[in-house]
Amino acid sequence: MFLRYPDRTRALWERSVVQVASLLFVVGVSVLASTSAVWLLGALVWGLVAYLVLLGFVLAGAGNPVGRLPGVDDGR
């Protein structure tokens, strides 16, 4: 979502309430996952891995990988 609609998501992320709520949600789900559901913890870990891979593409200068999808303008 951040890569597909960067202007909208950047404006939303600038709100401090969104940043705090996101942090609390991730910490809460992580605590729940570590105490009860192994599959949920696995989903969180793989989600983080996928995020870091996409971030690596963007930071390495490869551009927006989502921008290669049909109908998406990545701003180039």
PDB file of N, CA and C in Angstrom:
ATOM      1  N   MET A   1       0.821  -1.183   0.000  1.00  0.00           N
ATOM      2  CA  MET A   1       0.000   0.000   0.000  1.00  0.00           C
ATOM      3  C   MET A   1       0.876   1.261   0.000  1.00  0.00           C
ATOM      4  N   PHE A   2       1.972   1.237   0.769  1.00  0.00           N
ATOM      5  CA  PHE A   2       2.858   2.406   0.806  1.00  0.00           C
ATOM      6  C   PHE A   2       3.488   2.667  -0.549  1.00  0.00           C
ATOM      7  N   LEU A   3       3.818   1.608  -1.273  1.00  0.00           N
ATOM      8  CA  LEU A   3       4.451   1.786  -2.569  1.00  0.00           C
ATOM      9  C   LEU A   3       3.458   2.130  -3.667  1.00  0.00           C
ATOM     10  N   ARG A   4       2.251   1.645  -3.549  1.00  0.00           N
ATOM     11  CA  ARG A   4       1.266   1.895  -4.601  1.00  0.00           C
ATOM     12  C   ARG A   4       0.683   3.302  -4.508  1.00  0.00           C
ATOM     13  N   TYR A   5       0.425   3.777  -3.294  1.00  0.00           N
ATOM     14  CA  TYR A   5      -0.150   5.116  -3.077  1.00  0.00           C
ATOM     15  C   TYR A   5       0.746   5.915  -2.128  1.00  0.00           C
ATOM     16  N   PRO A   6       1.936   6.297  -2.555  1.00  0.00           N
ATOM     17  CA  PRO A   6       2.886   6.921  -1.625  1.00  0.00           C
ATOM     18  C   PRO A   6       2.425   8.250  -1.038  1.00  0.00           C
ATOM     19  N   ASP A   7       1.733   9.083  -1.816  1.00  0.00           N
ATOM     20  CA  ASP A   7       1.314  10.381  -1.285  1.00  0.00           C
ATOM     21  C   ASP A   7       0.245  10.234  -0.216  1.00  0.00           C
ATOM     22  N   ARG A   8      -0.728   9.382  -0.476  1.00  0.00           N
ATOM     23  CA  ARG A   8      -1.804   9.181   0.506  1.00  0.00           C
ATOM     24  C   ARG A   8      -1.296   8.543   1.783  1.00  0.00           C
ATOM     25  N   THR A   9      -0.475   7.495   1.640  1.00  0.00           N
ATOM     26  CA  THR A   9      -0.010   6.805   2.837  1.00  0.00           C
ATOM     27  C   THR A   9       0.984   7.642   3.627  1.00  0.00           C
ATOM     28  N   ARG A  10       1.779   8.471   2.945  1.00  0.00           N
ATOM     29  CA  ARG A  10       2.710   9.346   3.652  1.00  0.00           C
ATOM     30  C   ARG A  10       1.935  10.360   4.498  1.00  0.00           C
ATOM     31  N   ALA A  11       0.861  10.901   3.939  1.00  0.00           N
ATOM     32  CA  ALA A  11       0.042  11.861   4.687  1.00  0.00           C
ATOM     33  C   ALA A  11      -0.605  11.183   5.896  1.00  0.00           C
ATOM     34  N   LEU A  12      -1.056   9.959   5.719  1.00  0.00           N
ATOM     35  CA  LEU A  12      -1.670   9.217   6.821  1.00  0.00           C
ATOM     36  C   LEU A  12      -0.638   8.876   7.890  1.00  0.00           C
ATOM     37  N   TRP A  13       0.558   8.454   7.478  1.00  0.00           N
ATOM     38  CA  TRP A  13       1.596   8.053   8.414  1.00  0.00           C
ATOM     39  C   TRP A  13       2.129   9.228   9.218  1.00  0.00           C
ATOM     40  N   GLU A  14       2.001  10.438   8.714  1.00  0.00           N
ATOM     41  CA  GLU A  14       2.472  11.627   9.436  1.00  0.00           C
ATOM     42  C   GLU A  14       1.675  11.881  10.712  1.00  0.00           C
ATOM     43  N   ARG A  15       0.504  11.326  10.822  1.00  0.00           N
ATOM     44  CA  ARG A  15      -0.307  11.500  12.035  1.00  0.00           C
ATOM     45  C   ARG A  15       0.293  10.670  13.168  1.00  0.00           C
ATOM     46  N   SER A  16       0.543  11.302  14.280  1.00  0.00           N
ATOM     47  CA  SER A  16       1.177  10.597  15.401  1.00  0.00           C
ATOM     48  C   SER A  16       0.280   9.506  15.967  1.00  0.00           C
ATOM     49  N   VAL A  17      -1.032   9.699  15.920  1.00  0.00           N
ATOM     50  CA  VAL A  17      -1.935   8.674  16.444  1.00  0.00           C
ATOM     51  C   VAL A  17      -1.834   7.390  15.619  1.00  0.00           C
ATOM     52  N   VAL A  18      -1.601   7.502  14.326  1.00  0.00           N
ATOM     53  CA  VAL A  18      -1.447   6.326  13.470  1.00  0.00           C
ATOM     54  C   VAL A  18      -0.137   5.607  13.798  1.00  0.00           C
ATOM     55  N   GLN A  19       0.921   6.351  14.030  1.00  0.00           N
ATOM     56  CA  GLN A  19       2.208   5.739  14.366  1.00  0.00           C
ATOM     57  C   GLN A  19       2.137   5.003  15.695  1.00  0.00           C
ATOM     58  N   VAL A  20       1.536   5.618  16.699  1.00  0.00           N
ATOM     59  CA  VAL A  20       1.431   4.995  18.021  1.00  0.00           C
ATOM     60  C   VAL A  20       0.510   3.780  17.961  1.00  0.00           C
ATOM     61  N   ALA A  21      -0.617   3.893  17.286  1.00  0.00           N
ATOM     62  CA  ALA A  21      -1.553   2.773  17.176  1.00  0.00           C
ATOM     63  C   ALA A  21      -0.907   1.603  16.434  1.00  0.00           C
ATOM     64  N   SER A  22      -0.133   1.880  15.409  1.00  0.00           N
ATOM     65  CA  SER A  22       0.548   0.819  14.661  1.00  0.00           C
ATOM     66  C   SER A  22       1.558   0.097  15.544  1.00  0.00           C
ATOM     67  N   LEU A  23       2.325   0.860  16.287  1.00  0.00           N
ATOM     68  CA  LEU A  23       3.304   0.258  17.179  1.00  0.00           C
ATOM     69  C   LEU A  23       2.636  -0.615  18.234  1.00  0.00           C
ATOM     70  N   LEU A  24       1.578  -0.096  18.861  1.00  0.00           N
ATOM     71  CA  LEU A  24       0.868  -0.862  19.886  1.00  0.00           C
ATOM     72  C   LEU A  24       0.244  -2.126  19.301  1.00  0.00           C
ATOM     73  N   PHE A  25      -0.277  -2.046  18.096  1.00  0.00           N
ATOM     74  CA  PHE A  25      -0.878  -3.210  17.446  1.00  0.00           C
ATOM     75  C   PHE A  25       0.174  -4.288  17.182  1.00  0.00           C
ATOM     76  N   VAL A  26       1.305  -3.888  16.637  1.00  0.00           N
ATOM     77  CA  VAL A  26       2.357  -4.866  16.327  1.00  0.00           C
ATOM     78  C   VAL A  26       2.898  -5.504  17.608  1.00  0.00           C
ATOM     79  N   VAL A  27       3.128  -4.702  18.631  1.00  0.00           N
ATOM     80  CA  VAL A  27       3.628  -5.250  19.894  1.00  0.00           C
ATOM     81  C   VAL A  27       2.585  -6.179  20.516  1.00  0.00           C
ATOM     82  N   GLY A  28       1.323  -5.789  20.495  1.00  0.00           N
ATOM     83  CA  GLY A  28       0.269  -6.622  21.059  1.00  0.00           C
ATOM     84  C   GLY A  28       0.111  -7.946  20.336  1.00  0.00           C
ATOM     85  N   VAL A  29       0.114  -7.920  19.030  1.00  0.00           N
ATOM     86  CA  VAL A  29      -0.015  -9.153  18.251  1.00  0.00           C
ATOM     87  C   VAL A  29       1.219 -10.029  18.443  1.00  0.00           C
ATOM     88  N   SER A  30       2.381  -9.420  18.555  1.00  0.00           N
ATOM     89  CA  SER A  30       3.612 -10.192  18.767  1.00  0.00           C
ATOM     90  C   SER A  30       3.589 -10.905  20.117  1.00  0.00           C
ATOM     91  N   VAL A  31       3.140 -10.217  21.143  1.00  0.00           N
ATOM     92  CA  VAL A  31       3.036 -10.842  22.463  1.00  0.00           C
ATOM     93  C   VAL A  31       2.013 -11.973  22.428  1.00  0.00           C
ATOM     94  N   LEU A  32       0.881 -11.733  21.810  1.00  0.00           N
ATOM     95  CA  LEU A  32      -0.149 -12.772  21.688  1.00  0.00           C
ATOM     96  C   LEU A  32       0.384 -13.971  20.914  1.00  0.00           C
ATOM     97  N   ALA A  33       1.084 -13.712  19.826  1.00  0.00           N
ATOM     98  CA  ALA A  33       1.607 -14.794  18.991  1.00  0.00           C
ATOM     99  C   ALA A  33       2.668 -15.597  19.723  1.00  0.00           C
ATOM    100  N   SER A  34       3.506 -14.927  20.486  1.00  0.00           N
ATOM    101  CA  SER A  34       4.582 -15.640  21.168  1.00  0.00           C
ATOM    102  C   SER A  34       4.070 -16.488  22.323  1.00  0.00           C
ATOM    103  N   THR A  35       2.889 -16.185  22.812  1.00  0.00           N
ATOM    104  CA  THR A  35       2.364 -16.954  23.939  1.00  0.00           C
ATOM    105  C   THR A  35       1.348 -18.004  23.535  1.00  0.00           C
ATOM    106  N   SER A  36       0.741 -17.900  22.341  1.00  0.00           N
ATOM    107  CA  SER A  36      -0.332 -18.837  22.045  1.00  0.00           C
ATOM    108  C   SER A  36      -0.232 -19.540  20.695  1.00  0.00           C
ATOM    109  N   ALA A  37      -0.040 -18.822  19.631  1.00  0.00           N
ATOM    110  CA  ALA A  37      -0.161 -19.416  18.303  1.00  0.00           C
ATOM    111  C   ALA A  37       1.165 -19.328  17.545  1.00  0.00           C
ATOM    112  N   VAL A  38       1.774 -20.466  17.330  1.00  0.00           N
ATOM    113  CA  VAL A  38       3.044 -20.496  16.621  1.00  0.00           C
ATOM    114  C   VAL A  38       2.855 -20.065  15.170  1.00  0.00           C
ATOM    115  N   TRP A  39       1.745 -20.442  14.563  1.00  0.00           N
ATOM    116  CA  TRP A  39       1.507 -20.072  13.164  1.00  0.00           C
ATOM    117  C   TRP A  39       1.375 -18.561  13.019  1.00  0.00           C
ATOM    118  N   LEU A  40       0.812 -17.883  14.025  1.00  0.00           N
ATOM    119  CA  LEU A  40       0.684 -16.435  13.974  1.00  0.00           C
ATOM    120  C   LEU A  40       2.058 -15.770  14.077  1.00  0.00           C
ATOM    121  N   LEU A  41       2.905 -16.316  14.916  1.00  0.00           N
ATOM    122  CA  LEU A  41       4.264 -15.794  15.021  1.00  0.00           C
ATOM    123  C   LEU A  41       5.008 -15.996  13.699  1.00  0.00           C
ATOM    124  N   GLY A  42       4.818 -17.142  13.068  1.00  0.00           N
ATOM    125  CA  GLY A  42       5.429 -17.393  11.763  1.00  0.00           C
ATOM    126  C   GLY A  42       4.945 -16.413  10.711  1.00  0.00           C
ATOM    127  N   ALA A  43       3.656 -16.115  10.713  1.00  0.00           N
ATOM    128  CA  ALA A  43       3.105 -15.154   9.758  1.00  0.00           C
ATOM    129  C   ALA A  43       3.709 -13.764   9.977  1.00  0.00           C
ATOM    130  N   LEU A  44       3.904 -13.378  11.232  1.00  0.00           N
ATOM    131  CA  LEU A  44       4.517 -12.084  11.526  1.00  0.00           C
ATOM    132  C   LEU A  44       5.958 -12.035  11.035  1.00  0.00           C
ATOM    133  N   VAL A  45       6.688 -13.112  11.259  1.00  0.00           N
ATOM    134  CA  VAL A  45       8.089 -13.140  10.837  1.00  0.00           C
ATOM    135  C   VAL A  45       8.195 -13.072   9.321  1.00  0.00           C
ATOM    136  N   TRP A  46       7.386 -13.867   8.609  1.00  0.00           N
ATOM    137  CA  TRP A  46       7.445 -13.843   7.147  1.00  0.00           C
ATOM    138  C   TRP A  46       6.944 -12.527   6.584  1.00  0.00           C
ATOM    139  N   GLY A  47       5.995 -11.896   7.242  1.00  0.00           N
ATOM    140  CA  GLY A  47       5.553 -10.569   6.823  1.00  0.00           C
ATOM    141  C   GLY A  47       6.673  -9.547   6.957  1.00  0.00           C
ATOM    142  N   LEU A  48       7.431  -9.647   8.043  1.00  0.00           N
ATOM    143  CA  LEU A  48       8.573  -8.753   8.242  1.00  0.00           C
ATOM    144  C   LEU A  48       9.648  -9.009   7.189  1.00  0.00           C
ATOM    145  N   VAL A  49       9.897 -10.272   6.870  1.00  0.00           N
ATOM    146  CA  VAL A  49      10.884 -10.606   5.839  1.00  0.00           C
ATOM    147  C   VAL A  49      10.464 -10.023   4.493  1.00  0.00           C
ATOM    148  N   ALA A  50       9.191 -10.178   4.131  1.00  0.00           N
ATOM    149  CA  ALA A  50       8.701  -9.633   2.863  1.00  0.00           C
ATOM    150  C   ALA A  50       8.842  -8.115   2.832  1.00  0.00           C
ATOM    151  N   TYR A  51       8.528  -7.458   3.930  1.00  0.00           N
ATOM    152  CA  TYR A  51       8.667  -6.006   4.014  1.00  0.00           C
ATOM    153  C   TYR A  51      10.124  -5.588   3.816  1.00  0.00           C
ATOM    154  N   LEU A  52      11.035  -6.275   4.491  1.00  0.00           N
ATOM    155  CA  LEU A  52      12.444  -5.916   4.392  1.00  0.00           C
ATOM    156  C   LEU A  52      12.997  -6.162   2.987  1.00  0.00           C
ATOM    157  N   VAL A  53      12.522  -7.194   2.301  1.00  0.00           N
ATOM    158  CA  VAL A  53      12.957  -7.441   0.926  1.00  0.00           C
ATOM    159  C   VAL A  53      12.481  -6.305   0.017  1.00  0.00           C
ATOM    160  N   LEU A  54      11.209  -5.908   0.143  1.00  0.00           N
ATOM    161  CA  LEU A  54      10.706  -4.784  -0.654  1.00  0.00           C
ATOM    162  C   LEU A  54      11.465  -3.502  -0.337  1.00  0.00           C
ATOM    163  N   LEU A  55      11.724  -3.265   0.923  1.00  0.00           N
ATOM    164  CA  LEU A  55      12.487  -2.082   1.320  1.00  0.00           C
ATOM    165  C   LEU A  55      13.895  -2.117   0.737  1.00  0.00           C
ATOM    166  N   GLY A  56      14.492  -3.290   0.706  1.00  0.00           N
ATOM    167  CA  GLY A  56      15.823  -3.438   0.119  1.00  0.00           C
ATOM    168  C   GLY A  56      15.831  -3.089  -1.358  1.00  0.00           C
ATOM    169  N   PHE A  57      14.795  -3.510  -2.088  1.00  0.00           N
ATOM    170  CA  PHE A  57      14.696  -3.161  -3.508  1.00  0.00           C
ATOM    171  C   PHE A  57      14.636  -1.649  -3.691  1.00  0.00           C
ATOM    172  N   VAL A  58      13.816  -1.002  -2.894  1.00  0.00           N
ATOM    173  CA  VAL A  58      13.643   0.443  -3.021  1.00  0.00           C
ATOM    174  C   VAL A  58      14.934   1.172  -2.650  1.00  0.00           C
ATOM    175  N   LEU A  59      15.568   0.775  -1.553  1.00  0.00           N
ATOM    176  CA  LEU A  59      16.782   1.457  -1.102  1.00  0.00           C
ATOM    177  C   LEU A  59      17.981   1.173  -2.004  1.00  0.00           C
ATOM    178  N   ALA A  60      17.985   0.027  -2.667  1.00  0.00           N
ATOM    179  CA  ALA A  60      19.096  -0.321  -3.552  1.00  0.00           C
ATOM    180  C   ALA A  60      19.007   0.394  -4.890  1.00  0.00           C
ATOM    181  N   GLY A  61      17.955   1.159  -5.080  1.00  0.00           N
ATOM    182  CA  GLY A  61      17.818   1.917  -6.316  1.00  0.00           C
ATOM    183  C   GLY A  61      17.131   1.160  -7.434  1.00  0.00           C
ATOM    184  N   ALA A  62      16.556   0.005  -7.131  1.00  0.00           N
ATOM    185  CA  ALA A  62      15.870  -0.789  -8.151  1.00  0.00           C
ATOM    186  C   ALA A  62      14.508  -0.184  -8.494  1.00  0.00           C
ATOM    187  N   GLY A  63      14.097   0.819  -7.757  1.00  0.00           N
ATOM    188  CA  GLY A  63      12.801   1.441  -8.012  1.00  0.00           C
ATOM    189  C   GLY A  63      11.694   0.731  -7.260  1.00  0.00           C
ATOM    190  N   ASN A  64      10.519   1.113  -7.582  1.00  0.00           N
ATOM    191  CA  ASN A  64       9.332   0.590  -6.931  1.00  0.00           C
ATOM    192  C   ASN A  64       8.920  -0.722  -7.603  1.00  0.00           C
ATOM    193  N   PRO A  65       9.048  -1.872  -6.910  1.00  0.00           N
ATOM    194  CA  PRO A  65       8.665  -3.131  -7.537  1.00  0.00           C
ATOM    195  C   PRO A  65       7.168  -3.211  -7.813  1.00  0.00           C
ATOM    196  N   VAL A  66       6.372  -2.505  -7.047  1.00  0.00           N
ATOM    197  CA  VAL A  66       4.934  -2.487  -7.277  1.00  0.00           C
ATOM    198  C   VAL A  66       4.628  -1.672  -8.527  1.00  0.00           C
ATOM    199  N   GLY A  67       5.498  -0.732  -8.858  1.00  0.00           N
ATOM    200  CA  GLY A  67       5.316   0.102 -10.040  1.00  0.00           C
ATOM    201  C   GLY A  67       5.399  -0.671 -11.337  1.00  0.00           C
ATOM    202  N   ARG A  68       5.920  -1.879 -11.296  1.00  0.00           N
ATOM    203  CA  ARG A  68       5.999  -2.710 -12.492  1.00  0.00           C
ATOM    204  C   ARG A  68       4.678  -3.399 -12.809  1.00  0.00           C
ATOM    205  N   LEU A  69       3.745  -3.356 -11.869  1.00  0.00           N
ATOM    206  CA  LEU A  69       2.439  -3.970 -12.109  1.00  0.00           C
ATOM    207  C   LEU A  69       1.648  -3.132 -13.095  1.00  0.00           C
ATOM    208  N   PRO A  70       0.778  -3.766 -13.893  1.00  0.00           N
ATOM    209  CA  PRO A  70      -0.020  -2.999 -14.862  1.00  0.00           C
ATOM    210  C   PRO A  70      -0.912  -1.972 -14.178  1.00  0.00           C
ATOM    211  N   GLY A  71      -0.960  -0.775 -14.726  1.00  0.00           N
ATOM    212  CA  GLY A  71      -1.834   0.259 -14.214  1.00  0.00           C
ATOM    213  C   GLY A  71      -1.305   1.027 -13.021  1.00  0.00           C
ATOM    214  N   VAL A  72      -0.028   0.842 -12.686  1.00  0.00           N
ATOM    215  CA  VAL A  72       0.554   1.537 -11.536  1.00  0.00           C
ATOM    216  C   VAL A  72       1.631   2.477 -12.042  1.00  0.00           C
ATOM    217  N   ASP A  73       1.551   3.733 -11.625  1.00  0.00           N
ATOM    218  CA  ASP A  73       2.559   4.729 -11.977  1.00  0.00           C
ATOM    219  C   ASP A  73       3.456   4.925 -10.777  1.00  0.00           C
ATOM    220  N   ASP A  74       4.753   4.605 -10.903  1.00  0.00           N
ATOM    221  CA  ASP A  74       5.659   4.724  -9.764  1.00  0.00           C
ATOM    222  C   ASP A  74       6.368   6.066  -9.697  1.00  0.00           C
ATOM    223  N   GLY A  75       5.978   7.021 -10.536  1.00  0.00           N
ATOM    224  CA  GLY A  75       6.523   8.360 -10.450  1.00  0.00           C
ATOM    225  C   GLY A  75       7.816   8.577 -11.208  1.00  0.00           C
ATOM    226  N   ARG A  76       8.242   7.631 -12.026  1.00  0.00           N
ATOM    227  CA  ARG A  76       9.478   7.809 -12.807  1.00  0.00           C
ATOM    228  C   ARG A  76       9.214   8.543 -14.074  1.00  0.00           C
TER     229      ARG A  76
END
